[in-house]
Amino acid sequence: MTIHDYLKYVKYGFGRATDHACLDVRNGDIPREEAVRLANRYDGRYPHEAVREFCDYTGMSQEEFDETIDTFTNRKIFRQNEQGEFLKDIDGSLIKNDEYLLS
């Protein structure tokens, strides 16, 4: 996943996998259940390699990058702790609030 796709995900709660899965459903290539499974599996994964390359190129640290991204992250969609910090899974990906999970 690229930085662009990740930014779309943190702002709107969906990314490239959802876009492609929706198109496949509309075209009759896959059922909705398969599209949901694919979107849940691939959307929103933290792009470690792309972030590393971006930080190397710009001289920015990963912490600076993450802090900047957090200012654009949709607080309504993603879980936060009591201090307002976004909760992330073991891979560093944001965790959605239950009402925004695809099912």
PDB file of N, CA and C in Angstrom:
ATOM      1  N   MET A   1       0.848  -1.169   0.000  1.00  0.00           N
ATOM      2  CA  MET A   1       0.000   0.000   0.000  1.00  0.00           C
ATOM      3  C   MET A   1       0.897   1.236   0.000  1.00  0.00           C
ATOM      4  N   THR A   2       0.478   2.233  -0.727  1.00  0.00           N
ATOM      5  CA  THR A   2       1.248   3.470  -0.778  1.00  0.00           C
ATOM      6  C   THR A   2       0.783   4.440   0.311  1.00  0.00           C
ATOM      7  N   ILE A   3       1.548   5.487   0.481  1.00  0.00           N
ATOM      8  CA  ILE A   3       1.183   6.527   1.451  1.00  0.00           C
ATOM      9  C   ILE A   3      -0.167   7.142   1.070  1.00  0.00           C
ATOM     10  N   HIS A   4      -0.382   7.368  -0.205  1.00  0.00           N
ATOM     11  CA  HIS A   4      -1.643   7.955  -0.669  1.00  0.00           C
ATOM     12  C   HIS A   4      -2.838   7.101  -0.245  1.00  0.00           C
ATOM     13  N   ASP A   5      -2.743   5.796  -0.460  1.00  0.00           N
ATOM     14  CA  ASP A   5      -3.842   4.901  -0.096  1.00  0.00           C
ATOM     15  C   ASP A   5      -4.062   4.894   1.410  1.00  0.00           C
ATOM     16  N   TYR A   6      -2.985   4.945   2.174  1.00  0.00           N
ATOM     17  CA  TYR A   6      -3.109   4.956   3.624  1.00  0.00           C
ATOM     18  C   TYR A   6      -3.768   6.254   4.106  1.00  0.00           C
ATOM     19  N   LEU A   7      -3.402   7.374   3.515  1.00  0.00           N
ATOM     20  CA  LEU A   7      -4.021   8.648   3.898  1.00  0.00           C
ATOM     21  C   LEU A   7      -5.522   8.635   3.615  1.00  0.00           C
ATOM     22  N   LYS A   8      -5.906   8.058   2.501  1.00  0.00           N
ATOM     23  CA  LYS A   8      -7.330   7.932   2.191  1.00  0.00           C
ATOM     24  C   LYS A   8      -8.023   7.107   3.263  1.00  0.00           C
ATOM     25  N   TYR A   9      -7.380   6.042   3.684  1.00  0.00           N
ATOM     26  CA  TYR A   9      -7.962   5.176   4.698  1.00  0.00           C
ATOM     27  C   TYR A   9      -8.122   5.901   6.034  1.00  0.00           C
ATOM     28  N   VAL A  10      -7.101   6.608   6.486  1.00  0.00           N
ATOM     29  CA  VAL A  10      -7.195   7.263   7.797  1.00  0.00           C
ATOM     30  C   VAL A  10      -8.197   8.413   7.783  1.00  0.00           C
ATOM     31  N   LYS A  11      -8.395   9.040   6.636  1.00  0.00           N
ATOM     32  CA  LYS A  11      -9.347  10.155   6.566  1.00  0.00           C
ATOM     33  C   LYS A  11     -10.786   9.679   6.388  1.00  0.00           C
ATOM     34  N   TYR A  12     -10.983   8.628   5.575  1.00  0.00           N
ATOM     35  CA  TYR A  12     -12.338   8.235   5.197  1.00  0.00           C
ATOM     36  C   TYR A  12     -12.751   6.839   5.655  1.00  0.00           C
ATOM     37  N   GLY A  13     -11.803   6.038   6.132  1.00  0.00           N
ATOM     38  CA  GLY A  13     -12.138   4.721   6.635  1.00  0.00           C
ATOM     39  C   GLY A  13     -12.189   3.621   5.594  1.00  0.00           C
ATOM     40  N   PHE A  14     -11.823   3.936   4.355  1.00  0.00           N
ATOM     41  CA  PHE A  14     -11.742   2.902   3.328  1.00  0.00           C
ATOM     42  C   PHE A  14     -10.602   3.243   2.384  1.00  0.00           C
ATOM     43  N   GLY A  15     -10.088   2.240   1.725  1.00  0.00           N
ATOM     44  CA  GLY A  15      -8.946   2.450   0.850  1.00  0.00           C
ATOM     45  C   GLY A  15      -9.086   1.722  -0.468  1.00  0.00           C
ATOM     46  N   ARG A  16      -7.962   1.398  -1.057  1.00  0.00           N
ATOM     47  CA  ARG A  16      -7.913   0.801  -2.387  1.00  0.00           C
ATOM     48  C   ARG A  16      -8.596  -0.566  -2.437  1.00  0.00           C
ATOM     49  N   ALA A  17      -8.413  -1.375  -1.410  1.00  0.00           N
ATOM     50  CA  ALA A  17      -9.030  -2.706  -1.418  1.00  0.00           C
ATOM     51  C   ALA A  17     -10.550  -2.598  -1.487  1.00  0.00           C
ATOM     52  N   THR A  18     -11.125  -1.668  -0.739  1.00  0.00           N
ATOM     53  CA  THR A  18     -12.573  -1.460  -0.788  1.00  0.00           C
ATOM     54  C   THR A  18     -12.998  -0.959  -2.164  1.00  0.00           C
ATOM     55  N   ASP A  19     -12.252  -0.016  -2.716  1.00  0.00           N
ATOM     56  CA  ASP A  19     -12.561   0.487  -4.056  1.00  0.00           C
ATOM     57  C   ASP A  19     -12.607  -0.648  -5.076  1.00  0.00           C
ATOM     58  N   HIS A  20     -11.577  -1.481  -5.076  1.00  0.00           N
ATOM     59  CA  HIS A  20     -11.492  -2.568  -6.046  1.00  0.00           C
ATOM     60  C   HIS A  20     -12.562  -3.626  -5.789  1.00  0.00           C
ATOM     61  N   ALA A  21     -12.797  -3.952  -4.516  1.00  0.00           N
ATOM     62  CA  ALA A  21     -13.801  -4.954  -4.188  1.00  0.00           C
ATOM     63  C   ALA A  21     -15.197  -4.481  -4.597  1.00  0.00           C
ATOM     64  N   CYS A  22     -15.508  -3.212  -4.383  1.00  0.00           N
ATOM     65  CA  CYS A  22     -16.810  -2.671  -4.791  1.00  0.00           C
ATOM     66  C   CYS A  22     -16.994  -2.755  -6.306  1.00  0.00           C
ATOM     67  N   LEU A  23     -15.962  -2.429  -7.024  1.00  0.00           N
ATOM     68  CA  LEU A  23     -16.021  -2.518  -8.489  1.00  0.00           C
ATOM     69  C   LEU A  23     -16.247  -3.966  -8.930  1.00  0.00           C
ATOM     70  N   ASP A  24     -15.558  -4.896  -8.288  1.00  0.00           N
ATOM     71  CA  ASP A  24     -15.734  -6.311  -8.629  1.00  0.00           C
ATOM     72  C   ASP A  24     -17.153  -6.790  -8.345  1.00  0.00           C
ATOM     73  N   VAL A  25     -17.756  -6.322  -7.254  1.00  0.00           N
ATOM     74  CA  VAL A  25     -19.140  -6.680  -6.938  1.00  0.00           C
ATOM     75  C   VAL A  25     -20.078  -6.098  -7.992  1.00  0.00           C
ATOM     76  N   ARG A  26     -19.905  -4.819  -8.316  1.00  0.00           N
ATOM     77  CA  ARG A  26     -20.769  -4.187  -9.321  1.00  0.00           C
ATOM     78  C   ARG A  26     -20.660  -4.854 -10.685  1.00  0.00           C
ATOM     79  N   ASN A  27     -19.467  -5.343 -11.006  1.00  0.00           N
ATOM     80  CA  ASN A  27     -19.267  -6.016 -12.284  1.00  0.00           C
ATOM     81  C   ASN A  27     -19.702  -7.477 -12.255  1.00  0.00           C
ATOM     82  N   GLY A  28     -20.121  -7.961 -11.088  1.00  0.00           N
ATOM     83  CA  GLY A  28     -20.580  -9.334 -10.962  1.00  0.00           C
ATOM     84  C   GLY A  28     -19.456 -10.358 -10.894  1.00  0.00           C
ATOM     85  N   ASP A  29     -18.238  -9.902 -10.594  1.00  0.00           N
ATOM     86  CA  ASP A  29     -17.094 -10.810 -10.558  1.00  0.00           C
ATOM     87  C   ASP A  29     -16.969 -11.580  -9.241  1.00  0.00           C
ATOM     88  N   ILE A  30     -17.414 -10.973  -8.140  1.00  0.00           N
ATOM     89  CA  ILE A  30     -17.359 -11.637  -6.834  1.00  0.00           C
ATOM     90  C   ILE A  30     -18.619 -11.279  -6.052  1.00  0.00           C
ATOM     91  N   PRO A  31     -19.020 -12.140  -5.101  1.00  0.00           N
ATOM     92  CA  PRO A  31     -20.171 -11.788  -4.249  1.00  0.00           C
ATOM     93  C   PRO A  31     -19.763 -10.767  -3.186  1.00  0.00           C
ATOM     94  N   ARG A  32     -20.756 -10.102  -2.620  1.00  0.00           N
ATOM     95  CA  ARG A  32     -20.502  -9.083  -1.610  1.00  0.00           C
ATOM     96  C   ARG A  32     -19.717  -9.639  -0.422  1.00  0.00           C
ATOM     97  N   GLU A  33     -20.045 -10.842   0.015  1.00  0.00           N
ATOM     98  CA  GLU A  33     -19.367 -11.444   1.167  1.00  0.00           C
ATOM     99  C   GLU A  33     -17.857 -11.551   0.923  1.00  0.00           C
ATOM    100  N   GLU A  34     -17.475 -11.925  -0.292  1.00  0.00           N
ATOM    101  CA  GLU A  34     -16.059 -12.013  -0.637  1.00  0.00           C
ATOM    102  C   GLU A  34     -15.422 -10.621  -0.644  1.00  0.00           C
ATOM    103  N   ALA A  35     -16.153  -9.633  -1.142  1.00  0.00           N
ATOM    104  CA  ALA A  35     -15.647  -8.257  -1.166  1.00  0.00           C
ATOM    105  C   ALA A  35     -15.394  -7.750   0.250  1.00  0.00           C
ATOM    106  N   VAL A  36     -16.317  -8.023   1.157  1.00  0.00           N
ATOM    107  CA  VAL A  36     -16.151  -7.603   2.554  1.00  0.00           C
ATOM    108  C   VAL A  36     -14.931  -8.286   3.160  1.00  0.00           C
ATOM    109  N   ARG A  37     -14.773  -9.575   2.907  1.00  0.00           N
ATOM    110  CA  ARG A  37     -13.616 -10.311   3.440  1.00  0.00           C
ATOM    111  C   ARG A  37     -12.310  -9.703   2.930  1.00  0.00           C
ATOM    112  N   LEU A  38     -12.256  -9.405   1.639  1.00  0.00           N
ATOM    113  CA  LEU A  38     -11.039  -8.832   1.056  1.00  0.00           C
ATOM    114  C   LEU A  38     -10.757  -7.428   1.594  1.00  0.00           C
ATOM    115  N   ALA A  39     -11.798  -6.606   1.682  1.00  0.00           N
ATOM    116  CA  ALA A  39     -11.615  -5.243   2.194  1.00  0.00           C
ATOM    117  C   ALA A  39     -11.139  -5.267   3.648  1.00  0.00           C
ATOM    118  N   ASN A  40     -11.743  -6.130   4.451  1.00  0.00           N
ATOM    119  CA  ASN A  40     -11.327  -6.230   5.858  1.00  0.00           C
ATOM    120  C   ASN A  40      -9.900  -6.742   5.983  1.00  0.00           C
ATOM    121  N   ARG A  41      -9.503  -7.599   5.085  1.00  0.00           N
ATOM    122  CA  ARG A  41      -8.153  -8.176   5.165  1.00  0.00           C
ATOM    123  C   ARG A  41      -7.073  -7.197   4.711  1.00  0.00           C
ATOM    124  N   TYR A  42      -7.331  -6.431   3.662  1.00  0.00           N
ATOM    125  CA  TYR A  42      -6.267  -5.646   3.044  1.00  0.00           C
ATOM    126  C   TYR A  42      -6.327  -4.141   3.291  1.00  0.00           C
ATOM    127  N   ASP A  43      -7.489  -3.583   3.536  1.00  0.00           N
ATOM    128  CA  ASP A  43      -7.570  -2.133   3.753  1.00  0.00           C
ATOM    129  C   ASP A  43      -6.984  -1.735   5.099  1.00  0.00           C
ATOM    130  N   GLY A  44      -6.279  -0.617   5.100  1.00  0.00           N
ATOM    131  CA  GLY A  44      -5.853  -0.010   6.347  1.00  0.00           C
ATOM    132  C   GLY A  44      -4.616  -0.576   6.994  1.00  0.00           C
ATOM    133  N   ARG A  45      -3.937  -1.478   6.346  1.00  0.00           N
ATOM    134  CA  ARG A  45      -2.706  -2.006   6.929  1.00  0.00           C
ATOM    135  C   ARG A  45      -1.644  -0.915   6.885  1.00  0.00           C
ATOM    136  N   TYR A  46      -0.949  -0.755   7.992  1.00  0.00           N
ATOM    137  CA  TYR A  46       0.087   0.277   8.056  1.00  0.00           C
ATOM    138  C   TYR A  46       1.167  -0.040   7.028  1.00  0.00           C
ATOM    139  N   PRO A  47       1.487   0.918   6.153  1.00  0.00           N
ATOM    140  CA  PRO A  47       2.447   0.673   5.063  1.00  0.00           C
ATOM    141  C   PRO A  47       3.899   0.855   5.507  1.00  0.00           C
ATOM    142  N   HIS A  48       4.412  -0.101   6.264  1.00  0.00           N
ATOM    143  CA  HIS A  48       5.744   0.014   6.868  1.00  0.00           C
ATOM    144  C   HIS A  48       6.831   0.362   5.846  1.00  0.00           C
ATOM    145  N   GLU A  49       6.876  -0.367   4.753  1.00  0.00           N
ATOM    146  CA  GLU A  49       7.938  -0.135   3.766  1.00  0.00           C
ATOM    147  C   GLU A  49       7.812   1.244   3.115  1.00  0.00           C
ATOM    148  N   ALA A  50       6.606   1.630   2.745  1.00  0.00           N
ATOM    149  CA  ALA A  50       6.407   2.940   2.115  1.00  0.00           C
ATOM    150  C   ALA A  50       6.743   4.067   3.079  1.00  0.00           C
ATOM    151  N   VAL A  51       6.383   3.910   4.349  1.00  0.00           N
ATOM    152  CA  VAL A  51       6.696   4.926   5.356  1.00  0.00           C
ATOM    153  C   VAL A  51       8.208   5.022   5.545  1.00  0.00           C
ATOM    154  N   ARG A  52       8.865   3.878   5.597  1.00  0.00           N
ATOM    155  CA  ARG A  52      10.318   3.869   5.753  1.00  0.00           C
ATOM    156  C   ARG A  52      10.996   4.594   4.580  1.00  0.00           C
ATOM    157  N   GLU A  53      10.555   4.296   3.364  1.00  0.00           N
ATOM    158  CA  GLU A  53      11.124   4.958   2.186  1.00  0.00           C
ATOM    159  C   GLU A  53      10.843   6.458   2.204  1.00  0.00           C
ATOM    160  N   PHE A  54       9.627   6.835   2.575  1.00  0.00           N
ATOM    161  CA  PHE A  54       9.256   8.246   2.637  1.00  0.00           C
ATOM    162  C   PHE A  54      10.107   8.972   3.684  1.00  0.00           C
ATOM    163  N   CYS A  55      10.272   8.361   4.839  1.00  0.00           N
ATOM    164  CA  CYS A  55      11.054   8.982   5.908  1.00  0.00           C
ATOM    165  C   CYS A  55      12.524   9.094   5.517  1.00  0.00           C
ATOM    166  N   ASP A  56      13.056   8.074   4.863  1.00  0.00           N
ATOM    167  CA  ASP A  56      14.440   8.147   4.385  1.00  0.00           C
ATOM    168  C   ASP A  56      14.604   9.296   3.396  1.00  0.00           C
ATOM    169  N   TYR A  57      13.643   9.445   2.503  1.00  0.00           N
ATOM    170  CA  TYR A  57      13.707  10.474   1.467  1.00  0.00           C
ATOM    171  C   TYR A  57      13.593  11.881   2.057  1.00  0.00           C
ATOM    172  N   THR A  58      12.695  12.039   3.028  1.00  0.00           N
ATOM    173  CA  THR A  58      12.430  13.381   3.572  1.00  0.00           C
ATOM    174  C   THR A  58      13.288  13.726   4.784  1.00  0.00           C
ATOM    175  N   GLY A  59      13.906  12.718   5.402  1.00  0.00           N
ATOM    176  CA  GLY A  59      14.660  12.968   6.627  1.00  0.00           C
ATOM    177  C   GLY A  59      13.776  13.058   7.856  1.00  0.00           C
ATOM    178  N   MET A  60      12.516  12.743   7.698  1.00  0.00           N
ATOM    179  CA  MET A  60      11.556  12.766   8.800  1.00  0.00           C
ATOM    180  C   MET A  60      11.659  11.438   9.553  1.00  0.00           C
ATOM    181  N   SER A  61      11.468  11.476  10.854  1.00  0.00           N
ATOM    182  CA  SER A  61      11.452  10.228  11.614  1.00  0.00           C
ATOM    183  C   SER A  61      10.065   9.594  11.483  1.00  0.00           C
ATOM    184  N   GLN A  62       9.990   8.301  11.777  1.00  0.00           N
ATOM    185  CA  GLN A  62       8.690   7.633  11.720  1.00  0.00           C
ATOM    186  C   GLN A  62       7.748   8.214  12.771  1.00  0.00           C
ATOM    187  N   GLU A  63       8.283   8.598  13.905  1.00  0.00           N
ATOM    188  CA  GLU A  63       7.449   9.202  14.948  1.00  0.00           C
ATOM    189  C   GLU A  63       6.846  10.521  14.451  1.00  0.00           C
ATOM    190  N   GLU A  64       7.651  11.339  13.778  1.00  0.00           N
ATOM    191  CA  GLU A  64       7.140  12.593  13.219  1.00  0.00           C
ATOM    192  C   GLU A  64       6.070  12.308  12.165  1.00  0.00           C
ATOM    193  N   PHE A  65       6.335  11.323  11.331  1.00  0.00           N
ATOM    194  CA  PHE A  65       5.366  10.949  10.304  1.00  0.00           C
ATOM    195  C   PHE A  65       4.042  10.542  10.955  1.00  0.00           C
ATOM    196  N   ASP A  66       4.109   9.634  11.935  1.00  0.00           N
ATOM    197  CA  ASP A  66       2.893   9.157  12.591  1.00  0.00           C
ATOM    198  C   ASP A  66       2.142  10.282  13.300  1.00  0.00           C
ATOM    199  N   GLU A  67       2.861  11.166  13.945  1.00  0.00           N
ATOM    200  CA  GLU A  67       2.210  12.297  14.620  1.00  0.00           C
ATOM    201  C   GLU A  67       1.494  13.194  13.614  1.00  0.00           C
ATOM    202  N   THR A  68       2.117  13.415  12.466  1.00  0.00           N
ATOM    203  CA  THR A  68       1.492  14.232  11.423  1.00  0.00           C
ATOM    204  C   THR A  68       0.251  13.549  10.877  1.00  0.00           C
ATOM    205  N   ILE A  69       0.354  12.263  10.593  1.00  0.00           N
ATOM    206  CA  ILE A  69      -0.797  11.510  10.072  1.00  0.00           C
ATOM    207  C   ILE A  69      -1.938  11.522  11.079  1.00  0.00           C
ATOM    208  N   ASP A  70      -1.617  11.402  12.357  1.00  0.00           N
ATOM    209  CA  ASP A  70      -2.658  11.403  13.390  1.00  0.00           C
ATOM    210  C   ASP A  70      -3.489  12.680  13.366  1.00  0.00           C
ATOM    211  N   THR A  71      -2.906  13.794  12.960  1.00  0.00           N
ATOM    212  CA  THR A  71      -3.677  15.038  12.917  1.00  0.00           C
ATOM    213  C   THR A  71      -4.744  15.003  11.820  1.00  0.00           C
ATOM    214  N   PHE A  72      -4.586  14.121  10.836  1.00  0.00           N
ATOM    215  CA  PHE A  72      -5.551  13.996   9.745  1.00  0.00           C
ATOM    216  C   PHE A  72      -6.477  12.798   9.916  1.00  0.00           C
ATOM    217  N   THR A  73      -6.220  11.969  10.914  1.00  0.00           N
ATOM    218  CA  THR A  73      -6.992  10.738  11.104  1.00  0.00           C
ATOM    219  C   THR A  73      -8.365  11.063  11.678  1.00  0.00           C
ATOM    220  N   ASN A  74      -9.374  10.412  11.129  1.00  0.00           N
ATOM    221  CA  ASN A  74     -10.762  10.652  11.504  1.00  0.00           C
ATOM    222  C   ASN A  74     -11.036  10.073  12.899  1.00  0.00           C
ATOM    223  N   ARG A  75     -11.257  10.946  13.852  1.00  0.00           N
ATOM    224  CA  ARG A  75     -11.458  10.537  15.241  1.00  0.00           C
ATOM    225  C   ARG A  75     -12.792   9.825  15.447  1.00  0.00           C
ATOM    226  N   LYS A  76     -13.721  10.008  14.548  1.00  0.00           N
ATOM    227  CA  LYS A  76     -15.019   9.355  14.671  1.00  0.00           C
ATOM    228  C   LYS A  76     -14.922   7.875  14.285  1.00  0.00           C
ATOM    229  N   ILE A  77     -14.059   7.559  13.341  1.00  0.00           N
ATOM    230  CA  ILE A  77     -13.983   6.204  12.798  1.00  0.00           C
ATOM    231  C   ILE A  77     -13.067   5.289  13.603  1.00  0.00           C
ATOM    232  N   PHE A  78     -11.973   5.835  14.161  1.00  0.00           N
ATOM    233  CA  PHE A  78     -10.947   4.991  14.774  1.00  0.00           C
ATOM    234  C   PHE A  78     -10.903   5.134  16.288  1.00  0.00           C
ATOM    235  N   ARG A  79     -10.628   4.031  16.950  1.00  0.00           N
ATOM    236  CA  ARG A  79     -10.587   3.983  18.417  1.00  0.00           C
ATOM    237  C   ARG A  79      -9.424   4.803  18.975  1.00  0.00           C
ATOM    238  N   GLN A  80      -9.692   5.378  20.162  1.00  0.00           N
ATOM    239  CA  GLN A  80      -8.683   6.163  20.866  1.00  0.00           C
ATOM    240  C   GLN A  80      -8.708   5.787  22.345  1.00  0.00           C
ATOM    241  N   ASN A  81      -7.590   6.023  23.026  1.00  0.00           N
ATOM    242  CA  ASN A  81      -7.558   5.803  24.472  1.00  0.00           C
ATOM    243  C   ASN A  81      -8.050   7.068  25.188  1.00  0.00           C
ATOM    244  N   GLU A  82      -7.976   7.067  26.491  1.00  0.00           N
ATOM    245  CA  GLU A  82      -8.467   8.192  27.293  1.00  0.00           C
ATOM    246  C   GLU A  82      -7.708   9.491  27.012  1.00  0.00           C
ATOM    247  N   GLN A  83      -6.452   9.377  26.565  1.00  0.00           N
ATOM    248  CA  GLN A  83      -5.642  10.559  26.250  1.00  0.00           C
ATOM    249  C   GLN A  83      -5.855  11.044  24.819  1.00  0.00           C
ATOM    250  N   GLY A  84      -6.717  10.358  24.067  1.00  0.00           N
ATOM    251  CA  GLY A  84      -6.988  10.758  22.689  1.00  0.00           C
ATOM    252  C   GLY A  84      -6.004  10.198  21.682  1.00  0.00           C
ATOM    253  N   GLU A  85      -5.146   9.265  22.112  1.00  0.00           N
ATOM    254  CA  GLU A  85      -4.188   8.645  21.198  1.00  0.00           C
ATOM    255  C   GLU A  85      -4.861   7.483  20.487  1.00  0.00           C
ATOM    256  N   PHE A  86      -4.578   7.338  19.201  1.00  0.00           N
ATOM    257  CA  PHE A  86      -5.205   6.278  18.423  1.00  0.00           C
ATOM    258  C   PHE A  86      -4.675   4.914  18.835  1.00  0.00           C
ATOM    259  N   LEU A  87      -5.591   3.960  18.937  1.00  0.00           N
ATOM    260  CA  LEU A  87      -5.221   2.589  19.274  1.00  0.00           C
ATOM    261  C   LEU A  87      -4.846   1.854  17.994  1.00  0.00           C
ATOM    262  N   LYS A  88      -3.802   1.039  18.095  1.00  0.00           N
ATOM    263  CA  LYS A  88      -3.305   0.301  16.933  1.00  0.00           C
ATOM    264  C   LYS A  88      -3.134  -1.164  17.305  1.00  0.00           C
ATOM    265  N   ASP A  89      -3.248  -2.024  16.304  1.00  0.00           N
ATOM    266  CA  ASP A  89      -3.060  -3.454  16.555  1.00  0.00           C
ATOM    267  C   ASP A  89      -1.573  -3.781  16.599  1.00  0.00           C
ATOM    268  N   ILE A  90      -1.266  -5.046  16.711  1.00  0.00           N
ATOM    269  CA  ILE A  90       0.120  -5.488  16.863  1.00  0.00           C
ATOM    270  C   ILE A  90       0.990  -5.116  15.662  1.00  0.00           C
ATOM    271  N   ASP A  91       0.378  -4.933  14.484  1.00  0.00           N
ATOM    272  CA  ASP A  91       1.113  -4.562  13.272  1.00  0.00           C
ATOM    273  C   ASP A  91       1.213  -3.055  13.068  1.00  0.00           C
ATOM    274  N   GLY A  92       0.616  -2.284  13.971  1.00  0.00           N
ATOM    275  CA  GLY A  92       0.663  -0.827  13.854  1.00  0.00           C
ATOM    276  C   GLY A  92      -0.481  -0.230  13.068  1.00  0.00           C
ATOM    277  N   SER A  93      -1.471  -1.055  12.718  1.00  0.00           N
ATOM    278  CA  SER A  93      -2.626  -0.566  11.963  1.00  0.00           C
ATOM    279  C   SER A  93      -3.688  -0.028  12.915  1.00  0.00           C
ATOM    280  N   LEU A  94      -4.376   1.015  12.478  1.00  0.00           N
ATOM    281  CA  LEU A  94      -5.437   1.608  13.283  1.00  0.00           C
ATOM    282  C   LEU A  94      -6.566   0.608  13.513  1.00  0.00           C
ATOM    283  N   ILE A  95      -7.245   0.755  14.641  1.00  0.00           N
ATOM    284  CA  ILE A  95      -8.379  -0.105  14.976  1.00  0.00           C
ATOM    285  C   ILE A  95      -9.650   0.722  14.823  1.00  0.00           C
ATOM    286  N   LYS A  96     -10.581   0.217  14.012  1.00  0.00           N
ATOM    287  CA  LYS A  96     -11.844   0.930  13.794  1.00  0.00           C
ATOM    288  C   LYS A  96     -12.790   0.744  14.967  1.00  0.00           C
ATOM    289  N   ASN A  97     -13.644   1.747  15.172  1.00  0.00           N
ATOM    290  CA  ASN A  97     -14.754   1.603  16.097  1.00  0.00           C
ATOM    291  C   ASN A  97     -15.704   0.567  15.508  1.00  0.00           C
ATOM    292  N   ASP A  98     -16.384  -0.179  16.371  1.00  0.00           N
ATOM    293  CA  ASP A  98     -17.210  -1.294  15.929  1.00  0.00           C
ATOM    294  C   ASP A  98     -18.248  -0.906  14.893  1.00  0.00           C
ATOM    295  N   GLU A  99     -18.864   0.246  15.030  1.00  0.00           N
ATOM    296  CA  GLU A  99     -19.928   0.624  14.100  1.00  0.00           C
ATOM    297  C   GLU A  99     -19.427   0.896  12.678  1.00  0.00           C
ATOM    298  N   TYR A 100     -18.116   0.981  12.505  1.00  0.00           N
ATOM    299  CA  TYR A 100     -17.550   1.226  11.181  1.00  0.00           C
ATOM    300  C   TYR A 100     -16.904  -0.009  10.561  1.00  0.00           C
ATOM    301  N   LEU A 101     -17.038  -1.150  11.241  1.00  0.00           N
ATOM    302  CA  LEU A 101     -16.505  -2.396  10.680  1.00  0.00           C
ATOM    303  C   LEU A 101     -17.440  -2.905   9.588  1.00  0.00           C
ATOM    304  N   LEU A 102     -16.855  -3.419   8.527  1.00  0.00           N
ATOM    305  CA  LEU A 102     -17.655  -4.006   7.446  1.00  0.00           C
ATOM    306  C   LEU A 102     -18.179  -5.372   7.892  1.00  0.00           C
ATOM    307  N   SER A 103     -19.399  -5.634   7.530  1.00  0.00           N
ATOM    308  CA  SER A 103     -19.957  -6.967   7.824  1.00  0.00           C
ATOM    309  C   SER A 103     -20.921  -7.381   6.744  1.00  0.00           C
TER     310      SER A 103
END
